[in-house]
């Protein structure tokens, strides 16, 4: 009886569409942001030889229709214990990934973002169904309850080193996207989002504010994409480089973009792409829009 009742629960289409559109726009905001060190943008393909800007557009278009499904699934499972929700989200996430791979001819453009945005959208659906306020903090705390024990299960106990993230946890202890989600995205909530909001409040150019926020994330994030490509030494190099740029003023004026171009070239030369930080920037932008707009 409970399953039948839950299956009929729906978030109003206008509300699901509102948040889904913001999540979709977050994907576009990140990839269009230029210049980004080592990442695909409007200027170049960064350290990637297998993907281009158009692949990210196709990928975002393929992901877009699946975002409301995460929201509705979050609503349908709102009466279940939070720890039971993740297994019900996985089939949607896998189907969304398949749509992405079909759109990009097998290129992994947004797998990390499907994981994070799927969780965030499901959290929004759960909060709405429970008649709780949808705020960035509440959304991230809800994601943390979904993912309770995730790193223990997938990185400590069942770690067959099938993914780069699992291998890096085994080798150097990085928890990657799983660890951030289980902790409720502390790098976003405590660091990136307040920084981005403060830059917005000061009237900064939106793109410059977002680029400066990306640097902040790169300086602090234990990015498994970087460690996978270049090891811990490369991660330390990238974090130090980003930290030094911030200490020297960061990205505040158009003239500062020159330093990002230099950083970009250095990342390309080392074959480094901070995809994990890019994913966190997508979350930051998405949550910032939630703060500013309501359906």
C-alpha atoms as a PDB file:
ATOM      1  CA  UNK A   1       0.000   0.000   0.000  1.00  0.00           C
ATOM      2  CA  UNK A   2       2.781   2.418   0.876  1.00  0.00           C
ATOM      3  CA  UNK A   3       4.516   1.846  -2.466  1.00  0.00           C
ATOM      4  CA  UNK A   4       1.279   2.523  -4.349  1.00  0.00           C
ATOM      5  CA  UNK A   5       0.742   5.751  -2.414  1.00  0.00           C
ATOM      6  CA  UNK A   6       4.301   6.896  -2.978  1.00  0.00           C
ATOM      7  CA  UNK A   7       4.120   6.172  -6.688  1.00  0.00           C
ATOM      8  CA  UNK A   8       1.324   8.746  -7.099  1.00  0.00           C
ATOM      9  CA  UNK A   9       3.242  11.575  -5.470  1.00  0.00           C
ATOM     10  CA  UNK A  10       4.271  14.260  -7.930  1.00  0.00           C
ATOM     11  CA  UNK A  11       5.897  17.666  -7.635  1.00  0.00           C
ATOM     12  CA  UNK A  12       3.893  20.160  -9.748  1.00  0.00           C
ATOM     13  CA  UNK A  13       5.330  20.248 -13.262  1.00  0.00           C
ATOM     14  CA  UNK A  14       6.030  23.976 -13.108  1.00  0.00           C
ATOM     15  CA  UNK A  15       8.174  23.556  -9.991  1.00  0.00           C
ATOM     16  CA  UNK A  16      10.022  20.505 -11.348  1.00  0.00           C
ATOM     17  CA  UNK A  17      10.619  22.365 -14.614  1.00  0.00           C
ATOM     18  CA  UNK A  18      11.931  25.424 -12.767  1.00  0.00           C
ATOM     19  CA  UNK A  19      14.617  23.556 -10.852  1.00  0.00           C
ATOM     20  CA  UNK A  20      15.440  21.302 -13.808  1.00  0.00           C
ATOM     21  CA  UNK A  21      16.003  24.346 -15.988  1.00  0.00           C
ATOM     22  CA  UNK A  22      18.373  25.829 -13.407  1.00  0.00           C
ATOM     23  CA  UNK A  23      20.337  22.568 -13.265  1.00  0.00           C
ATOM     24  CA  UNK A  24      20.521  22.470 -17.071  1.00  0.00           C
ATOM     25  CA  UNK A  25      21.677  26.082 -17.184  1.00  0.00           C
ATOM     26  CA  UNK A  26      24.328  25.267 -14.580  1.00  0.00           C
ATOM     27  CA  UNK A  27      25.861  22.763 -17.003  1.00  0.00           C
ATOM     28  CA  UNK A  28      25.962  25.398 -19.740  1.00  0.00           C
ATOM     29  CA  UNK A  29      27.268  28.119 -17.416  1.00  0.00           C
ATOM     30  CA  UNK A  30      30.270  25.981 -16.519  1.00  0.00           C
ATOM     31  CA  UNK A  31      31.259  24.832 -20.004  1.00  0.00           C
ATOM     32  CA  UNK A  32      30.821  28.297 -21.530  1.00  0.00           C
ATOM     33  CA  UNK A  33      32.925  29.913 -18.804  1.00  0.00           C
ATOM     34  CA  UNK A  34      36.206  30.978 -20.444  1.00  0.00           C
ATOM     35  CA  UNK A  35      39.134  30.639 -19.944  1.00  0.00           C
ATOM     36  CA  UNK A  36      39.283  27.651 -17.594  1.00  0.00           C
ATOM     37  CA  UNK A  37      42.624  25.988 -16.814  1.00  0.00           C
ATOM     38  CA  UNK A  38      42.800  22.572 -18.474  1.00  0.00           C
ATOM     39  CA  UNK A  39      39.049  22.394 -19.108  1.00  0.00           C
ATOM     40  CA  UNK A  40      36.937  22.529 -22.243  1.00  0.00           C
ATOM     41  CA  UNK A  41      35.616  26.038 -22.870  1.00  0.00           C
ATOM     42  CA  UNK A  42      34.859  28.427 -25.727  1.00  0.00           C
ATOM     43  CA  UNK A  43      38.591  28.998 -26.295  1.00  0.00           C
ATOM     44  CA  UNK A  44      39.924  25.447 -26.557  1.00  0.00           C
ATOM     45  CA  UNK A  45      39.506  21.820 -25.489  1.00  0.00           C
ATOM     46  CA  UNK A  46      41.853  22.136 -22.529  1.00  0.00           C
ATOM     47  CA  UNK A  47      43.765  18.958 -21.752  1.00  0.00           C
ATOM     48  CA  UNK A  48      41.159  16.853 -23.548  1.00  0.00           C
ATOM     49  CA  UNK A  49      41.786  15.321 -26.950  1.00  0.00           C
ATOM     50  CA  UNK A  50      38.552  13.328 -27.037  1.00  0.00           C
ATOM     51  CA  UNK A  51      35.949  16.040 -26.439  1.00  0.00           C
ATOM     52  CA  UNK A  52      34.964  19.512 -27.581  1.00  0.00           C
ATOM     53  CA  UNK A  53      32.480  22.237 -26.696  1.00  0.00           C
ATOM     54  CA  UNK A  54      29.770  20.787 -28.931  1.00  0.00           C
ATOM     55  CA  UNK A  55      29.986  17.475 -27.042  1.00  0.00           C
ATOM     56  CA  UNK A  56      29.091  19.281 -23.820  1.00  0.00           C
ATOM     57  CA  UNK A  57      26.124  20.973 -25.485  1.00  0.00           C
ATOM     58  CA  UNK A  58      24.860  17.632 -26.780  1.00  0.00           C
ATOM     59  CA  UNK A  59      25.449  16.069 -23.384  1.00  0.00           C
ATOM     60  CA  UNK A  60      23.556  18.811 -21.526  1.00  0.00           C
ATOM     61  CA  UNK A  61      20.644  18.486 -23.948  1.00  0.00           C
ATOM     62  CA  UNK A  62      20.560  14.720 -23.351  1.00  0.00           C
ATOM     63  CA  UNK A  63      20.647  15.120 -19.564  1.00  0.00           C
ATOM     64  CA  UNK A  64      17.989  17.856 -19.418  1.00  0.00           C
ATOM     65  CA  UNK A  65      14.881  15.585 -19.755  1.00  0.00           C
ATOM     66  CA  UNK A  66      16.105  13.345 -16.952  1.00  0.00           C
ATOM     67  CA  UNK A  67      16.442  16.072 -14.327  1.00  0.00           C
ATOM     68  CA  UNK A  68      12.685  16.276 -13.532  1.00  0.00           C
ATOM     69  CA  UNK A  69      12.711  12.500 -13.033  1.00  0.00           C
ATOM     70  CA  UNK A  70      15.241  12.852 -10.222  1.00  0.00           C
ATOM     71  CA  UNK A  71      13.036  15.514  -8.632  1.00  0.00           C
ATOM     72  CA  UNK A  72       9.920  13.357  -8.885  1.00  0.00           C
ATOM     73  CA  UNK A  73      11.741  10.314  -7.528  1.00  0.00           C
ATOM     74  CA  UNK A  74      12.853  12.383  -4.563  1.00  0.00           C
ATOM     75  CA  UNK A  75       9.224  13.294  -3.942  1.00  0.00           C
ATOM     76  CA  UNK A  76       7.945   9.723  -4.376  1.00  0.00           C
ATOM     77  CA  UNK A  77      10.405   8.414  -1.791  1.00  0.00           C
ATOM     78  CA  UNK A  78       9.867  11.281   0.675  1.00  0.00           C
ATOM     79  CA  UNK A  79       8.281   8.963   3.249  1.00  0.00           C
ATOM     80  CA  UNK A  80      11.086   6.432   3.069  1.00  0.00           C
ATOM     81  CA  UNK A  81      14.217   6.647   5.233  1.00  0.00           C
ATOM     82  CA  UNK A  82      16.718   8.896   3.491  1.00  0.00           C
ATOM     83  CA  UNK A  83      19.296   6.116   3.438  1.00  0.00           C
ATOM     84  CA  UNK A  84      16.953   4.038   1.244  1.00  0.00           C
ATOM     85  CA  UNK A  85      16.656   6.653  -1.508  1.00  0.00           C
ATOM     86  CA  UNK A  86      20.003   6.232  -3.251  1.00  0.00           C
ATOM     87  CA  UNK A  87      19.283   2.757  -4.559  1.00  0.00           C
ATOM     88  CA  UNK A  88      16.062   4.046  -6.153  1.00  0.00           C
ATOM     89  CA  UNK A  89      17.956   6.889  -7.843  1.00  0.00           C
ATOM     90  CA  UNK A  90      20.622   4.664  -9.370  1.00  0.00           C
ATOM     91  CA  UNK A  91      18.498   3.290 -12.250  1.00  0.00           C
ATOM     92  CA  UNK A  92      17.567   6.836 -13.272  1.00  0.00           C
ATOM     93  CA  UNK A  93      21.199   7.903 -13.058  1.00  0.00           C
ATOM     94  CA  UNK A  94      22.347   4.952 -15.157  1.00  0.00           C
ATOM     95  CA  UNK A  95      19.704   5.635 -17.793  1.00  0.00           C
ATOM     96  CA  UNK A  96      20.718   9.299 -17.843  1.00  0.00           C
ATOM     97  CA  UNK A  97      24.364   8.281 -18.285  1.00  0.00           C
ATOM     98  CA  UNK A  98      23.395   6.061 -21.205  1.00  0.00           C
ATOM     99  CA  UNK A  99      21.604   8.998 -22.829  1.00  0.00           C
ATOM    100  CA  UNK A 100      24.725  11.118 -22.343  1.00  0.00           C
ATOM    101  CA  UNK A 101      26.988   8.506 -23.918  1.00  0.00           C
ATOM    102  CA  UNK A 102      24.635   8.100 -26.880  1.00  0.00           C
ATOM    103  CA  UNK A 103      24.648  11.862 -27.423  1.00  0.00           C
ATOM    104  CA  UNK A 104      28.445  12.126 -27.267  1.00  0.00           C
ATOM    105  CA  UNK A 105      29.350   8.889 -29.094  1.00  0.00           C
ATOM    106  CA  UNK A 106      30.823   7.433 -25.922  1.00  0.00           C
ATOM    107  CA  UNK A 107      32.595  10.491 -24.499  1.00  0.00           C
ATOM    108  CA  UNK A 108      32.274  11.033 -20.732  1.00  0.00           C
ATOM    109  CA  UNK A 109      31.393  14.709 -20.537  1.00  0.00           C
ATOM    110  CA  UNK A 110      29.117  14.906 -17.503  1.00  0.00           C
ATOM    111  CA  UNK A 111      29.150  11.654 -15.537  1.00  0.00           C
ATOM    112  CA  UNK A 112      30.165  13.452 -12.349  1.00  0.00           C
ATOM    113  CA  UNK A 113      27.488  16.089 -12.832  1.00  0.00           C
ATOM    114  CA  UNK A 114      24.796  13.473 -13.389  1.00  0.00           C
ATOM    115  CA  UNK A 115      25.736  12.043  -9.994  1.00  0.00           C
ATOM    116  CA  UNK A 116      25.701  15.392  -8.191  1.00  0.00           C
ATOM    117  CA  UNK A 117      22.777  17.079  -9.965  1.00  0.00           C
ATOM    118  CA  UNK A 118      20.734  13.889  -9.702  1.00  0.00           C
ATOM    119  CA  UNK A 119      21.240  13.886  -5.933  1.00  0.00           C
ATOM    120  CA  UNK A 120      20.530  17.606  -5.611  1.00  0.00           C
ATOM    121  CA  UNK A 121      17.366  17.390  -7.710  1.00  0.00           C
ATOM    122  CA  UNK A 122      16.129  14.401  -5.715  1.00  0.00           C
ATOM    123  CA  UNK A 123      16.799  16.327  -2.514  1.00  0.00           C
ATOM    124  CA  UNK A 124      14.714  19.219  -3.832  1.00  0.00           C
ATOM    125  CA  UNK A 125      11.849  16.827  -4.583  1.00  0.00           C
ATOM    126  CA  UNK A 126      12.048  15.343  -1.092  1.00  0.00           C
ATOM    127  CA  UNK A 127      12.123  18.757   0.595  1.00  0.00           C
ATOM    128  CA  UNK A 128       9.177  19.991  -1.461  1.00  0.00           C
ATOM    129  CA  UNK A 129       7.114  16.907  -0.675  1.00  0.00           C
ATOM    130  CA  UNK A 130       7.929  17.232   3.015  1.00  0.00           C
ATOM    131  CA  UNK A 131       6.844  20.906   2.820  1.00  0.00           C
ATOM    132  CA  UNK A 132      10.286  22.077   3.911  1.00  0.00           C
ATOM    133  CA  UNK A 133      12.018  25.152   2.557  1.00  0.00           C
ATOM    134  CA  UNK A 134      14.316  24.527  -0.394  1.00  0.00           C
ATOM    135  CA  UNK A 135      17.565  26.275   0.546  1.00  0.00           C
ATOM    136  CA  UNK A 136      21.136  25.439  -0.502  1.00  0.00           C
ATOM    137  CA  UNK A 137      21.992  24.194   2.988  1.00  0.00           C
ATOM    138  CA  UNK A 138      18.851  22.080   3.311  1.00  0.00           C
ATOM    139  CA  UNK A 139      19.424  20.571  -0.130  1.00  0.00           C
ATOM    140  CA  UNK A 140      23.032  19.649   0.652  1.00  0.00           C
ATOM    141  CA  UNK A 141      22.152  18.264   4.076  1.00  0.00           C
ATOM    142  CA  UNK A 142      19.499  16.107   2.449  1.00  0.00           C
ATOM    143  CA  UNK A 143      22.025  14.796  -0.082  1.00  0.00           C
ATOM    144  CA  UNK A 144      24.282  13.886   2.842  1.00  0.00           C
ATOM    145  CA  UNK A 145      21.489  11.775   4.363  1.00  0.00           C
ATOM    146  CA  UNK A 146      20.983  10.011   1.016  1.00  0.00           C
ATOM    147  CA  UNK A 147      24.684   9.177   0.841  1.00  0.00           C
ATOM    148  CA  UNK A 148      25.281   8.194   4.461  1.00  0.00           C
ATOM    149  CA  UNK A 149      27.820   5.352   4.469  1.00  0.00           C
ATOM    150  CA  UNK A 150      28.521   5.636   0.735  1.00  0.00           C
ATOM    151  CA  UNK A 151      32.300   5.947   0.987  1.00  0.00           C
ATOM    152  CA  UNK A 152      32.412   3.098   3.501  1.00  0.00           C
ATOM    153  CA  UNK A 153      30.403   0.827   1.189  1.00  0.00           C
ATOM    154  CA  UNK A 154      31.920   1.715  -2.168  1.00  0.00           C
ATOM    155  CA  UNK A 155      35.449   2.806  -1.342  1.00  0.00           C
ATOM    156  CA  UNK A 156      36.406   0.832   1.762  1.00  0.00           C
ATOM    157  CA  UNK A 157      34.435  -2.417   1.623  1.00  0.00           C
ATOM    158  CA  UNK A 158      33.646  -3.076  -2.045  1.00  0.00           C
ATOM    159  CA  UNK A 159      36.631  -1.365  -3.620  1.00  0.00           C
ATOM    160  CA  UNK A 160      37.667  -3.456  -6.606  1.00  0.00           C
ATOM    161  CA  UNK A 161      39.414  -0.401  -8.098  1.00  0.00           C
ATOM    162  CA  UNK A 162      37.102  -0.378 -11.103  1.00  0.00           C
ATOM    163  CA  UNK A 163      37.021   3.417 -11.294  1.00  0.00           C
ATOM    164  CA  UNK A 164      39.704   6.064 -10.971  1.00  0.00           C
ATOM    165  CA  UNK A 165      37.990   7.273  -7.801  1.00  0.00           C
ATOM    166  CA  UNK A 166      38.095   3.837  -6.199  1.00  0.00           C
ATOM    167  CA  UNK A 167      41.737   3.346  -7.166  1.00  0.00           C
ATOM    168  CA  UNK A 168      42.769   6.734  -5.803  1.00  0.00           C
ATOM    169  CA  UNK A 169      40.991   6.115  -2.513  1.00  0.00           C
ATOM    170  CA  UNK A 170      42.907   2.873  -2.156  1.00  0.00           C
ATOM    171  CA  UNK A 171      46.227   4.511  -3.055  1.00  0.00           C
ATOM    172  CA  UNK A 172      46.081   7.940  -1.414  1.00  0.00           C
ATOM    173  CA  UNK A 173      42.763   8.201   0.451  1.00  0.00           C
ATOM    174  CA  UNK A 174      40.960  10.706  -1.792  1.00  0.00           C
ATOM    175  CA  UNK A 175      37.194  10.273  -1.481  1.00  0.00           C
ATOM    176  CA  UNK A 176      36.274  12.350  -4.545  1.00  0.00           C
ATOM    177  CA  UNK A 177      32.678  12.982  -5.549  1.00  0.00           C
ATOM    178  CA  UNK A 178      31.337  10.351  -3.162  1.00  0.00           C
ATOM    179  CA  UNK A 179      33.026  11.924  -0.166  1.00  0.00           C
ATOM    180  CA  UNK A 180      31.835  15.421  -1.044  1.00  0.00           C
ATOM    181  CA  UNK A 181      28.249  14.232  -1.459  1.00  0.00           C
ATOM    182  CA  UNK A 182      28.262  12.238   1.775  1.00  0.00           C
ATOM    183  CA  UNK A 183      29.622  15.262   3.646  1.00  0.00           C
ATOM    184  CA  UNK A 184      26.940  17.533   2.166  1.00  0.00           C
ATOM    185  CA  UNK A 185      29.274  19.395  -0.215  1.00  0.00           C
ATOM    186  CA  UNK A 186      31.220  21.367   2.417  1.00  0.00           C
ATOM    187  CA  UNK A 187      33.572  22.891  -0.174  1.00  0.00           C
ATOM    188  CA  UNK A 188      30.537  24.429  -1.860  1.00  0.00           C
ATOM    189  CA  UNK A 189      28.477  25.396   1.201  1.00  0.00           C
ATOM    190  CA  UNK A 190      31.334  26.680   3.352  1.00  0.00           C
ATOM    191  CA  UNK A 191      33.705  28.041   0.720  1.00  0.00           C
ATOM    192  CA  UNK A 192      32.655  28.445  -2.902  1.00  0.00           C
ATOM    193  CA  UNK A 193      29.038  29.557  -2.480  1.00  0.00           C
ATOM    194  CA  UNK A 194      29.770  32.282   0.119  1.00  0.00           C
ATOM    195  CA  UNK A 195      32.681  33.487  -2.022  1.00  0.00           C
ATOM    196  CA  UNK A 196      30.579  33.635  -5.186  1.00  0.00           C
ATOM    197  CA  UNK A 197      27.732  35.380  -3.353  1.00  0.00           C
ATOM    198  CA  UNK A 198      30.110  37.970  -1.900  1.00  0.00           C
ATOM    199  CA  UNK A 199      31.517  38.710  -5.341  1.00  0.00           C
ATOM    200  CA  UNK A 200      27.978  39.079  -6.701  1.00  0.00           C
ATOM    201  CA  UNK A 201      27.048  41.404  -3.829  1.00  0.00           C
ATOM    202  CA  UNK A 202      30.001  43.608  -4.733  1.00  0.00           C
ATOM    203  CA  UNK A 203      28.696  43.894  -8.287  1.00  0.00           C
ATOM    204  CA  UNK A 204      31.497  41.890  -9.879  1.00  0.00           C
ATOM    205  CA  UNK A 205      31.244  40.750 -13.472  1.00  0.00           C
ATOM    206  CA  UNK A 206      29.415  37.386 -13.281  1.00  0.00           C
ATOM    207  CA  UNK A 207      31.997  35.508 -15.365  1.00  0.00           C
ATOM    208  CA  UNK A 208      34.961  36.936 -13.462  1.00  0.00           C
ATOM    209  CA  UNK A 209      33.273  36.077 -10.162  1.00  0.00           C
ATOM    210  CA  UNK A 210      32.695  32.516 -11.340  1.00  0.00           C
ATOM    211  CA  UNK A 211      36.271  32.136 -12.587  1.00  0.00           C
ATOM    212  CA  UNK A 212      37.599  33.389  -9.253  1.00  0.00           C
ATOM    213  CA  UNK A 213      35.355  30.856  -7.508  1.00  0.00           C
ATOM    214  CA  UNK A 214      36.721  28.099  -9.727  1.00  0.00           C
ATOM    215  CA  UNK A 215      40.249  29.035  -8.641  1.00  0.00           C
ATOM    216  CA  UNK A 216      39.142  28.830  -5.020  1.00  0.00           C
ATOM    217  CA  UNK A 217      37.752  25.336  -5.572  1.00  0.00           C
ATOM    218  CA  UNK A 218      40.901  24.236  -7.398  1.00  0.00           C
ATOM    219  CA  UNK A 219      43.026  25.476  -4.493  1.00  0.00           C
ATOM    220  CA  UNK A 220      41.147  23.356  -1.945  1.00  0.00           C
ATOM    221  CA  UNK A 221      39.599  20.384  -3.738  1.00  0.00           C
ATOM    222  CA  UNK A 222      41.301  16.989  -3.648  1.00  0.00           C
ATOM    223  CA  UNK A 223      40.426  16.562  -7.317  1.00  0.00           C
ATOM    224  CA  UNK A 224      40.564  12.899  -8.323  1.00  0.00           C
ATOM    225  CA  UNK A 225      40.623  13.884 -12.009  1.00  0.00           C
ATOM    226  CA  UNK A 226      43.958  15.609 -11.440  1.00  0.00           C
ATOM    227  CA  UNK A 227      45.374  12.834  -9.259  1.00  0.00           C
ATOM    228  CA  UNK A 228      44.271  10.229 -11.797  1.00  0.00           C
ATOM    229  CA  UNK A 229      46.111  12.001 -14.602  1.00  0.00           C
ATOM    230  CA  UNK A 230      49.243  13.127 -12.801  1.00  0.00           C
ATOM    231  CA  UNK A 231      49.346  11.671  -9.304  1.00  0.00           C
ATOM    232  CA  UNK A 232      49.470  13.477  -5.975  1.00  0.00           C
ATOM    233  CA  UNK A 233      52.385  15.595  -7.178  1.00  0.00           C
ATOM    234  CA  UNK A 234      50.230  17.045  -9.944  1.00  0.00           C
ATOM    235  CA  UNK A 235      47.393  17.713  -7.504  1.00  0.00           C
ATOM    236  CA  UNK A 236      49.772  19.557  -5.176  1.00  0.00           C
ATOM    237  CA  UNK A 237      51.121  21.581  -8.119  1.00  0.00           C
ATOM    238  CA  UNK A 238      47.627  22.575  -9.260  1.00  0.00           C
ATOM    239  CA  UNK A 239      46.462  23.517  -5.769  1.00  0.00           C
ATOM    240  CA  UNK A 240      49.592  25.587  -5.142  1.00  0.00           C
ATOM    241  CA  UNK A 241      49.256  27.349  -8.492  1.00  0.00           C
ATOM    242  CA  UNK A 242      45.601  28.237  -7.841  1.00  0.00           C
ATOM    243  CA  UNK A 243      46.396  29.316  -4.283  1.00  0.00           C
ATOM    244  CA  UNK A 244      49.200  31.594  -5.469  1.00  0.00           C
ATOM    245  CA  UNK A 245      46.927  33.186  -8.042  1.00  0.00           C
ATOM    246  CA  UNK A 246      44.354  33.928  -5.357  1.00  0.00           C
ATOM    247  CA  UNK A 247      47.000  35.360  -3.033  1.00  0.00           C
ATOM    248  CA  UNK A 248      48.109  37.638  -5.871  1.00  0.00           C
ATOM    249  CA  UNK A 249      44.624  39.049  -6.301  1.00  0.00           C
ATOM    250  CA  UNK A 250      42.649  36.389  -8.136  1.00  0.00           C
ATOM    251  CA  UNK A 251      40.385  37.250 -11.054  1.00  0.00           C
ATOM    252  CA  UNK A 252      38.827  40.672 -10.565  1.00  0.00           C
ATOM    253  CA  UNK A 253      39.513  42.577 -13.781  1.00  0.00           C
ATOM    254  CA  UNK A 254      39.474  41.551 -17.458  1.00  0.00           C
ATOM    255  CA  UNK A 255      43.247  42.025 -17.504  1.00  0.00           C
ATOM    256  CA  UNK A 256      43.540  39.193 -14.958  1.00  0.00           C
ATOM    257  CA  UNK A 257      42.356  36.723 -17.600  1.00  0.00           C
ATOM    258  CA  UNK A 258      45.893  36.743 -18.977  1.00  0.00           C
ATOM    259  CA  UNK A 259      47.028  34.805 -15.919  1.00  0.00           C
ATOM    260  CA  UNK A 260      44.319  32.213 -16.500  1.00  0.00           C
ATOM    261  CA  UNK A 261      45.518  31.767 -20.076  1.00  0.00           C
ATOM    262  CA  UNK A 262      49.004  31.062 -18.734  1.00  0.00           C
ATOM    263  CA  UNK A 263      47.567  28.618 -16.178  1.00  0.00           C
ATOM    264  CA  UNK A 264      45.530  26.959 -18.936  1.00  0.00           C
ATOM    265  CA  UNK A 265      48.608  26.442 -21.095  1.00  0.00           C
ATOM    266  CA  UNK A 266      50.510  24.988 -18.128  1.00  0.00           C
ATOM    267  CA  UNK A 267      47.679  22.521 -17.423  1.00  0.00           C
ATOM    268  CA  UNK A 268      47.492  21.492 -21.071  1.00  0.00           C
ATOM    269  CA  UNK A 269      51.254  20.930 -21.149  1.00  0.00           C
ATOM    270  CA  UNK A 270      50.914  18.655 -18.109  1.00  0.00           C
ATOM    271  CA  UNK A 271      47.726  16.976 -19.421  1.00  0.00           C
ATOM    272  CA  UNK A 272      45.757  18.054 -16.342  1.00  0.00           C
ATOM    273  CA  UNK A 273      42.041  18.834 -16.239  1.00  0.00           C
ATOM    274  CA  UNK A 274      40.331  19.732 -12.923  1.00  0.00           C
ATOM    275  CA  UNK A 275      37.016  18.094 -13.761  1.00  0.00           C
ATOM    276  CA  UNK A 276      36.128  17.522 -10.114  1.00  0.00           C
ATOM    277  CA  UNK A 277      36.404  21.231  -9.392  1.00  0.00           C
ATOM    278  CA  UNK A 278      34.331  21.970 -12.495  1.00  0.00           C
ATOM    279  CA  UNK A 279      31.597  19.700 -11.127  1.00  0.00           C
ATOM    280  CA  UNK A 280      31.660  21.578  -7.815  1.00  0.00           C
ATOM    281  CA  UNK A 281      31.421  24.867  -9.716  1.00  0.00           C
ATOM    282  CA  UNK A 282      28.269  23.586 -11.435  1.00  0.00           C
ATOM    283  CA  UNK A 283      26.814  22.822  -8.001  1.00  0.00           C
ATOM    284  CA  UNK A 284      27.835  26.273  -6.752  1.00  0.00           C
ATOM    285  CA  UNK A 285      26.135  28.056  -9.641  1.00  0.00           C
ATOM    286  CA  UNK A 286      23.012  25.904  -9.297  1.00  0.00           C
ATOM    287  CA  UNK A 287      22.683  26.530  -5.561  1.00  0.00           C
ATOM    288  CA  UNK A 288      23.307  30.257  -6.055  1.00  0.00           C
ATOM    289  CA  UNK A 289      20.325  30.377  -8.416  1.00  0.00           C
ATOM    290  CA  UNK A 290      18.174  28.503  -5.897  1.00  0.00           C
ATOM    291  CA  UNK A 291      19.011  31.255  -3.406  1.00  0.00           C
ATOM    292  CA  UNK A 292      17.903  33.970  -5.811  1.00  0.00           C
ATOM    293  CA  UNK A 293      14.839  32.531  -7.519  1.00  0.00           C
ATOM    294  CA  UNK A 294      11.725  30.679  -6.470  1.00  0.00           C
ATOM    295  CA  UNK A 295       9.181  28.873  -8.634  1.00  0.00           C
END
